[in-house]
Amino acid sequence: MPVSFEPLSCQKAAVLTVIVTLPTGDDEFSPPDQCGIAMGSALVTLGLLFIFCYVIALFCVCTRWPRK
């Protein structure tokens, strides 16, 4: 799930921050003493493919697709 998207002044790159749910295997919840999520940031280029993927990711998050 995207948390933050901060374009740089040149508008050719941005810092993207996301939260990711870690896999739990066959268990319903994460193991004891682990939160089950990770957060990370990356410097990304703002090409056409990136913008397309970002829009698709937002669609999946907003519609909760795919449904289980």
PDB file of N, CA and C in Angstrom:
ATOM      1  N   MET A   1       0.845  -1.162   0.000  1.00  0.00           N
ATOM      2  CA  MET A   1       0.000   0.000   0.000  1.00  0.00           C
ATOM      3  C   MET A   1       0.899   1.235   0.000  1.00  0.00           C
ATOM      4  N   PRO A   2       0.738   2.108  -0.997  1.00  0.00           N
ATOM      5  CA  PRO A   2       1.532   3.334  -1.013  1.00  0.00           C
ATOM      6  C   PRO A   2       1.172   4.235   0.166  1.00  0.00           C
ATOM      7  N   VAL A   3       2.197   4.753   0.823  1.00  0.00           N
ATOM      8  CA  VAL A   3       1.993   5.646   1.957  1.00  0.00           C
ATOM      9  C   VAL A   3       2.311   7.080   1.561  1.00  0.00           C
ATOM     10  N   SER A   4       3.390   7.232   0.799  1.00  0.00           N
ATOM     11  CA  SER A   4       3.833   8.572   0.443  1.00  0.00           C
ATOM     12  C   SER A   4       4.467   8.542  -0.937  1.00  0.00           C
ATOM     13  N   PHE A   5       4.204   9.580  -1.711  1.00  0.00           N
ATOM     14  CA  PHE A   5       4.796   9.730  -3.031  1.00  0.00           C
ATOM     15  C   PHE A   5       5.224  11.178  -3.147  1.00  0.00           C
ATOM     16  N   GLU A   6       6.535  11.430  -3.127  1.00  0.00           N
ATOM     17  CA  GLU A   6       7.050  12.795  -3.104  1.00  0.00           C
ATOM     18  C   GLU A   6       7.927  13.050  -4.318  1.00  0.00           C
ATOM     19  N   PRO A   7       7.394  13.698  -5.370  1.00  0.00           N
ATOM     20  CA  PRO A   7       8.211  14.016  -6.544  1.00  0.00           C
ATOM     21  C   PRO A   7       9.332  14.992  -6.183  1.00  0.00           C
ATOM     22  N   LEU A   8      10.477  14.825  -6.819  1.00  0.00           N
ATOM     23  CA  LEU A   8      11.585  15.757  -6.635  1.00  0.00           C
ATOM     24  C   LEU A   8      11.359  16.985  -7.515  1.00  0.00           C
ATOM     25  N   SER A   9      12.144  18.018  -7.316  1.00  0.00           N
ATOM     26  CA  SER A   9      11.927  19.281  -8.019  1.00  0.00           C
ATOM     27  C   SER A   9      12.091  19.143  -9.530  1.00  0.00           C
ATOM     28  N   CYS A  10      12.887  18.189  -9.994  1.00  0.00           N
ATOM     29  CA  CYS A  10      13.097  18.025 -11.438  1.00  0.00           C
ATOM     30  C   CYS A  10      11.941  17.299 -12.115  1.00  0.00           C
ATOM     31  N   GLN A  11      11.010  16.720 -11.341  1.00  0.00           N
ATOM     32  CA  GLN A  11       9.847  15.986 -11.835  1.00  0.00           C
ATOM     33  C   GLN A  11      10.212  14.758 -12.670  1.00  0.00           C
ATOM     34  N   LYS A  12      11.455  14.262 -12.536  1.00  0.00           N
ATOM     35  CA  LYS A  12      11.863  13.059 -13.259  1.00  0.00           C
ATOM     36  C   LYS A  12      12.094  11.893 -12.318  1.00  0.00           C
ATOM     37  N   ALA A  13      12.022  12.146 -11.023  1.00  0.00           N
ATOM     38  CA  ALA A  13      12.222  11.103 -10.015  1.00  0.00           C
ATOM     39  C   ALA A  13      11.372  11.448  -8.796  1.00  0.00           C
ATOM     40  N   ALA A  14      11.190  10.437  -7.936  1.00  0.00           N
ATOM     41  CA  ALA A  14      10.392  10.655  -6.728  1.00  0.00           C
ATOM     42  C   ALA A  14      10.821   9.664  -5.663  1.00  0.00           C
ATOM     43  N   VAL A  15      10.464   9.978  -4.440  1.00  0.00           N
ATOM     44  CA  VAL A  15      10.662   9.049  -3.332  1.00  0.00           C
ATOM     45  C   VAL A  15       9.312   8.404  -3.050  1.00  0.00           C
ATOM     46  N   LEU A  16       9.260   7.086  -3.141  1.00  0.00           N
ATOM     47  CA  LEU A  16       8.033   6.328  -2.933  1.00  0.00           C
ATOM     48  C   LEU A  16       8.188   5.516  -1.657  1.00  0.00           C
ATOM     49  N   THR A  17       7.228   5.657  -0.746  1.00  0.00           N
ATOM     50  CA  THR A  17       7.234   4.897   0.511  1.00  0.00           C
ATOM     51  C   THR A  17       6.016   3.992   0.524  1.00  0.00           C
ATOM     52  N   VAL A  18       6.236   2.725   0.868  1.00  0.00           N
ATOM     53  CA  VAL A  18       5.149   1.743   0.880  1.00  0.00           C
ATOM     54  C   VAL A  18       5.158   0.940   2.174  1.00  0.00           C
ATOM     55  N   ILE A  19       3.994   0.397   2.520  1.00  0.00           N
ATOM     56  CA  ILE A  19       3.861  -0.558   3.618  1.00  0.00           C
ATOM     57  C   ILE A  19       3.468  -1.893   2.992  1.00  0.00           C
ATOM     58  N   VAL A  20       4.164  -2.944   3.394  1.00  0.00           N
ATOM     59  CA  VAL A  20       3.938  -4.271   2.832  1.00  0.00           C
ATOM     60  C   VAL A  20       3.579  -5.236   3.954  1.00  0.00           C
ATOM     61  N   THR A  21       2.535  -6.028   3.739  1.00  0.00           N
ATOM     62  CA  THR A  21       2.179  -7.081   4.689  1.00  0.00           C
ATOM     63  C   THR A  21       3.070  -8.286   4.425  1.00  0.00           C
ATOM     64  N   LEU A  22       3.749  -8.754   5.451  1.00  0.00           N
ATOM     65  CA  LEU A  22       4.652  -9.887   5.293  1.00  0.00           C
ATOM     66  C   LEU A  22       3.851 -11.192   5.260  1.00  0.00           C
ATOM     67  N   PRO A  23       4.354 -12.198   4.527  1.00  0.00           N
ATOM     68  CA  PRO A  23       3.631 -13.468   4.467  1.00  0.00           C
ATOM     69  C   PRO A  23       3.627 -14.167   5.827  1.00  0.00           C
ATOM     70  N   THR A  24       2.534 -14.867   6.122  1.00  0.00           N
ATOM     71  CA  THR A  24       2.421 -15.569   7.403  1.00  0.00           C
ATOM     72  C   THR A  24       2.416 -17.079   7.227  1.00  0.00           C
ATOM     73  N   GLY A  25       2.574 -17.539   5.988  1.00  0.00           N
ATOM     74  CA  GLY A  25       2.528 -18.978   5.752  1.00  0.00           C
ATOM     75  C   GLY A  25       1.114 -19.490   5.897  1.00  0.00           C
ATOM     76  N   ASP A  26       0.947 -20.589   6.608  1.00  0.00           N
ATOM     77  CA  ASP A  26      -0.382 -21.169   6.803  1.00  0.00           C
ATOM     78  C   ASP A  26      -1.122 -20.560   7.982  1.00  0.00           C
ATOM     79  N   ASP A  27      -0.440 -19.713   8.767  1.00  0.00           N
ATOM     80  CA  ASP A  27      -1.068 -19.107   9.936  1.00  0.00           C
ATOM     81  C   ASP A  27      -1.902 -17.894   9.541  1.00  0.00           C
ATOM     82  N   GLU A  28      -2.924 -17.613  10.351  1.00  0.00           N
ATOM     83  CA  GLU A  28      -3.778 -16.455  10.080  1.00  0.00           C
ATOM     84  C   GLU A  28      -3.099 -15.147  10.502  1.00  0.00           C
ATOM     85  N   PHE A  29      -2.277 -15.220  11.551  1.00  0.00           N
ATOM     86  CA  PHE A  29      -1.610 -14.036  12.088  1.00  0.00           C
ATOM     87  C   PHE A  29      -0.102 -14.217  12.055  1.00  0.00           C
ATOM     88  N   SER A  30       0.628 -13.108  12.200  1.00  0.00           N
ATOM     89  CA  SER A  30       2.088 -13.185  12.245  1.00  0.00           C
ATOM     90  C   SER A  30       2.542 -13.833  13.550  1.00  0.00           C
ATOM     91  N   PRO A  31       3.765 -14.384  13.573  1.00  0.00           N
ATOM     92  CA  PRO A  31       4.276 -15.034  14.787  1.00  0.00           C
ATOM     93  C   PRO A  31       4.361 -14.051  15.960  1.00  0.00           C
ATOM     94  N   PRO A  32       4.388 -14.566  17.182  1.00  0.00           N
ATOM     95  CA  PRO A  32       4.520 -13.692  18.358  1.00  0.00           C
ATOM     96  C   PRO A  32       5.783 -12.832  18.270  1.00  0.00           C
ATOM     97  N   ASP A  33       5.703 -11.636  18.787  1.00  0.00           N
ATOM     98  CA  ASP A  33       6.812 -10.668  18.813  1.00  0.00           C
ATOM     99  C   ASP A  33       7.176 -10.131  17.434  1.00  0.00           C
ATOM    100  N   GLN A  34       6.322 -10.329  16.433  1.00  0.00           N
ATOM    101  CA  GLN A  34       6.545  -9.758  15.102  1.00  0.00           C
ATOM    102  C   GLN A  34       5.284  -9.022  14.676  1.00  0.00           C
ATOM    103  N   CYS A  35       5.463  -7.856  14.077  1.00  0.00           N
ATOM    104  CA  CYS A  35       4.294  -7.042  13.720  1.00  0.00           C
ATOM    105  C   CYS A  35       3.634  -7.489  12.418  1.00  0.00           C
ATOM    106  N   GLY A  36       4.358  -8.156  11.533  1.00  0.00           N
ATOM    107  CA  GLY A  36       3.768  -8.645  10.297  1.00  0.00           C
ATOM    108  C   GLY A  36       3.722  -7.643   9.161  1.00  0.00           C
ATOM    109  N   ILE A  37       4.325  -6.458   9.352  1.00  0.00           N
ATOM    110  CA  ILE A  37       4.379  -5.480   8.272  1.00  0.00           C
ATOM    111  C   ILE A  37       5.794  -4.947   8.148  1.00  0.00           C
ATOM    112  N   ALA A  38       6.105  -4.418   6.971  1.00  0.00           N
ATOM    113  CA  ALA A  38       7.398  -3.774   6.735  1.00  0.00           C
ATOM    114  C   ALA A  38       7.141  -2.479   5.971  1.00  0.00           C
ATOM    115  N   MET A  39       7.994  -1.493   6.197  1.00  0.00           N
ATOM    116  CA  MET A  39       7.868  -0.216   5.510  1.00  0.00           C
ATOM    117  C   MET A  39       9.194   0.093   4.849  1.00  0.00           C
ATOM    118  N   GLY A  40       9.139   0.581   3.622  1.00  0.00           N
ATOM    119  CA  GLY A  40      10.374   0.900   2.913  1.00  0.00           C
ATOM    120  C   GLY A  40      10.183   2.058   1.957  1.00  0.00           C
ATOM    121  N   SER A  41      11.288   2.689   1.606  1.00  0.00           N
ATOM    122  CA  SER A  41      11.277   3.802   0.661  1.00  0.00           C
ATOM    123  C   SER A  41      12.282   3.538  -0.440  1.00  0.00           C
ATOM    124  N   ALA A  42      12.009   4.090  -1.606  1.00  0.00           N
ATOM    125  CA  ALA A  42      12.915   3.930  -2.738  1.00  0.00           C
ATOM    126  C   ALA A  42      12.872   5.179  -3.609  1.00  0.00           C
ATOM    127  N   LEU A  43      13.988   5.461  -4.249  1.00  0.00           N
ATOM    128  CA  LEU A  43      14.058   6.530  -5.240  1.00  0.00           C
ATOM    129  C   LEU A  43      13.673   5.905  -6.574  1.00  0.00           C
ATOM    130  N   VAL A  44      12.629   6.413  -7.204  1.00  0.00           N
ATOM    131  CA  VAL A  44      12.129   5.831  -8.451  1.00  0.00           C
ATOM    132  C   VAL A  44      12.100   6.876  -9.564  1.00  0.00           C
ATOM    133  N   THR A  45      12.211   6.406 -10.799  1.00  0.00           N
ATOM    134  CA  THR A  45      12.095   7.310 -11.942  1.00  0.00           C
ATOM    135  C   THR A  45      10.628   7.416 -12.342  1.00  0.00           C
ATOM    136  N   LEU A  46      10.257   8.547 -12.894  1.00  0.00           N
ATOM    137  CA  LEU A  46       8.861   8.788 -13.253  1.00  0.00           C
ATOM    138  C   LEU A  46       8.639   8.616 -14.751  1.00  0.00           C
ATOM    139  N   GLY A  47       8.846   7.403 -15.223  1.00  0.00           N
ATOM    140  CA  GLY A  47       8.567   7.096 -16.618  1.00  0.00           C
ATOM    141  C   GLY A  47       7.108   6.709 -16.792  1.00  0.00           C
ATOM    142  N   LEU A  48       6.678   6.525 -18.024  1.00  0.00           N
ATOM    143  CA  LEU A  48       5.301   6.174 -18.323  1.00  0.00           C
ATOM    144  C   LEU A  48       4.918   4.839 -17.699  1.00  0.00           C
ATOM    145  N   LEU A  49       5.818   3.845 -17.738  1.00  0.00           N
ATOM    146  CA  LEU A  49       5.534   2.535 -17.157  1.00  0.00           C
ATOM    147  C   LEU A  49       5.317   2.648 -15.652  1.00  0.00           C
ATOM    148  N   PHE A  50       6.112   3.464 -14.961  1.00  0.00           N
ATOM    149  CA  PHE A  50       5.949   3.632 -13.523  1.00  0.00           C
ATOM    150  C   PHE A  50       4.581   4.225 -13.200  1.00  0.00           C
ATOM    151  N   ILE A  51       4.175   5.238 -13.927  1.00  0.00           N
ATOM    152  CA  ILE A  51       2.888   5.882 -13.663  1.00  0.00           C
ATOM    153  C   ILE A  51       1.746   4.890 -13.882  1.00  0.00           C
ATOM    154  N   PHE A  52       1.838   4.083 -14.943  1.00  0.00           N
ATOM    155  CA  PHE A  52       0.820   3.067 -15.208  1.00  0.00           C
ATOM    156  C   PHE A  52       0.743   2.075 -14.048  1.00  0.00           C
ATOM    157  N   CYS A  53       1.897   1.584 -13.584  1.00  0.00           N
ATOM    158  CA  CYS A  53       1.921   0.618 -12.479  1.00  0.00           C
ATOM    159  C   CYS A  53       1.390   1.237 -11.190  1.00  0.00           C
ATOM    160  N   TYR A  54       1.682   2.497 -10.946  1.00  0.00           N
ATOM    161  CA  TYR A  54       1.208   3.184  -9.744  1.00  0.00           C
ATOM    162  C   TYR A  54      -0.315   3.296  -9.765  1.00  0.00           C
ATOM    163  N   VAL A  55      -0.892   3.622 -10.915  1.00  0.00           N
ATOM    164  CA  VAL A  55      -2.351   3.728 -11.034  1.00  0.00           C
ATOM    165  C   VAL A  55      -2.996   2.367 -10.808  1.00  0.00           C
ATOM    166  N   ILE A  56      -2.416   1.308 -11.363  1.00  0.00           N
ATOM    167  CA  ILE A  56      -2.947  -0.044 -11.174  1.00  0.00           C
ATOM    168  C   ILE A  56      -2.869  -0.430  -9.695  1.00  0.00           C
ATOM    169  N   ALA A  57      -1.764  -0.112  -9.029  1.00  0.00           N
ATOM    170  CA  ALA A  57      -1.612  -0.430  -7.608  1.00  0.00           C
ATOM    171  C   ALA A  57      -2.664   0.308  -6.780  1.00  0.00           C
ATOM    172  N   LEU A  58      -2.913   1.568  -7.080  1.00  0.00           N
ATOM    173  CA  LEU A  58      -3.934   2.319  -6.351  1.00  0.00           C
ATOM    174  C   LEU A  58      -5.312   1.715  -6.579  1.00  0.00           C
ATOM    175  N   PHE A  59      -5.598   1.278  -7.802  1.00  0.00           N
ATOM    176  CA  PHE A  59      -6.873   0.634  -8.097  1.00  0.00           C
ATOM    177  C   PHE A  59      -7.040  -0.614  -7.247  1.00  0.00           C
ATOM    178  N   CYS A  60      -5.991  -1.437  -7.166  1.00  0.00           N
ATOM    179  CA  CYS A  60      -6.064  -2.684  -6.398  1.00  0.00           C
ATOM    180  C   CYS A  60      -6.273  -2.403  -4.911  1.00  0.00           C
ATOM    181  N   VAL A  61      -5.620  -1.371  -4.400  1.00  0.00           N
ATOM    182  CA  VAL A  61      -5.766  -1.030  -2.984  1.00  0.00           C
ATOM    183  C   VAL A  61      -7.163  -0.468  -2.713  1.00  0.00           C
ATOM    184  N   CYS A  62      -7.634   0.408  -3.562  1.00  0.00           N
ATOM    185  CA  CYS A  62      -8.922   1.069  -3.341  1.00  0.00           C
ATOM    186  C   CYS A  62     -10.089   0.104  -3.497  1.00  0.00           C
ATOM    187  N   THR A  63      -9.979  -0.852  -4.403  1.00  0.00           N
ATOM    188  CA  THR A  63     -11.072  -1.803  -4.621  1.00  0.00           C
ATOM    189  C   THR A  63     -10.865  -3.109  -3.880  1.00  0.00           C
ATOM    190  N   ARG A  64      -9.739  -3.220  -3.166  1.00  0.00           N
ATOM    191  CA  ARG A  64      -9.378  -4.442  -2.436  1.00  0.00           C
ATOM    192  C   ARG A  64      -9.374  -5.653  -3.369  1.00  0.00           C
ATOM    193  N   TRP A  65      -8.828  -5.460  -4.571  1.00  0.00           N
ATOM    194  CA  TRP A  65      -8.743  -6.512  -5.565  1.00  0.00           C
ATOM    195  C   TRP A  65      -7.397  -7.182  -5.471  1.00  0.00           C
ATOM    196  N   PRO A  66      -7.173  -8.437  -5.639  1.00  0.00           N
ATOM    197  CA  PRO A  66      -8.208  -9.456  -5.854  1.00  0.00           C
ATOM    198  C   PRO A  66      -8.857  -9.866  -4.536  1.00  0.00           C
ATOM    199  N   ARG A  67     -10.093 -10.195  -4.591  1.00  0.00           N
ATOM    200  CA  ARG A  67     -10.811 -10.620  -3.391  1.00  0.00           C
ATOM    201  C   ARG A  67     -10.576 -12.102  -3.145  1.00  0.00           C
ATOM    202  N   LYS A  68     -10.525 -12.468  -1.882  1.00  0.00           N
ATOM    203  CA  LYS A  68     -10.310 -13.880  -1.529  1.00  0.00           C
ATOM    204  C   LYS A  68     -11.620 -14.585  -1.334  1.00  0.00           C
TER     205      LYS A  68
END
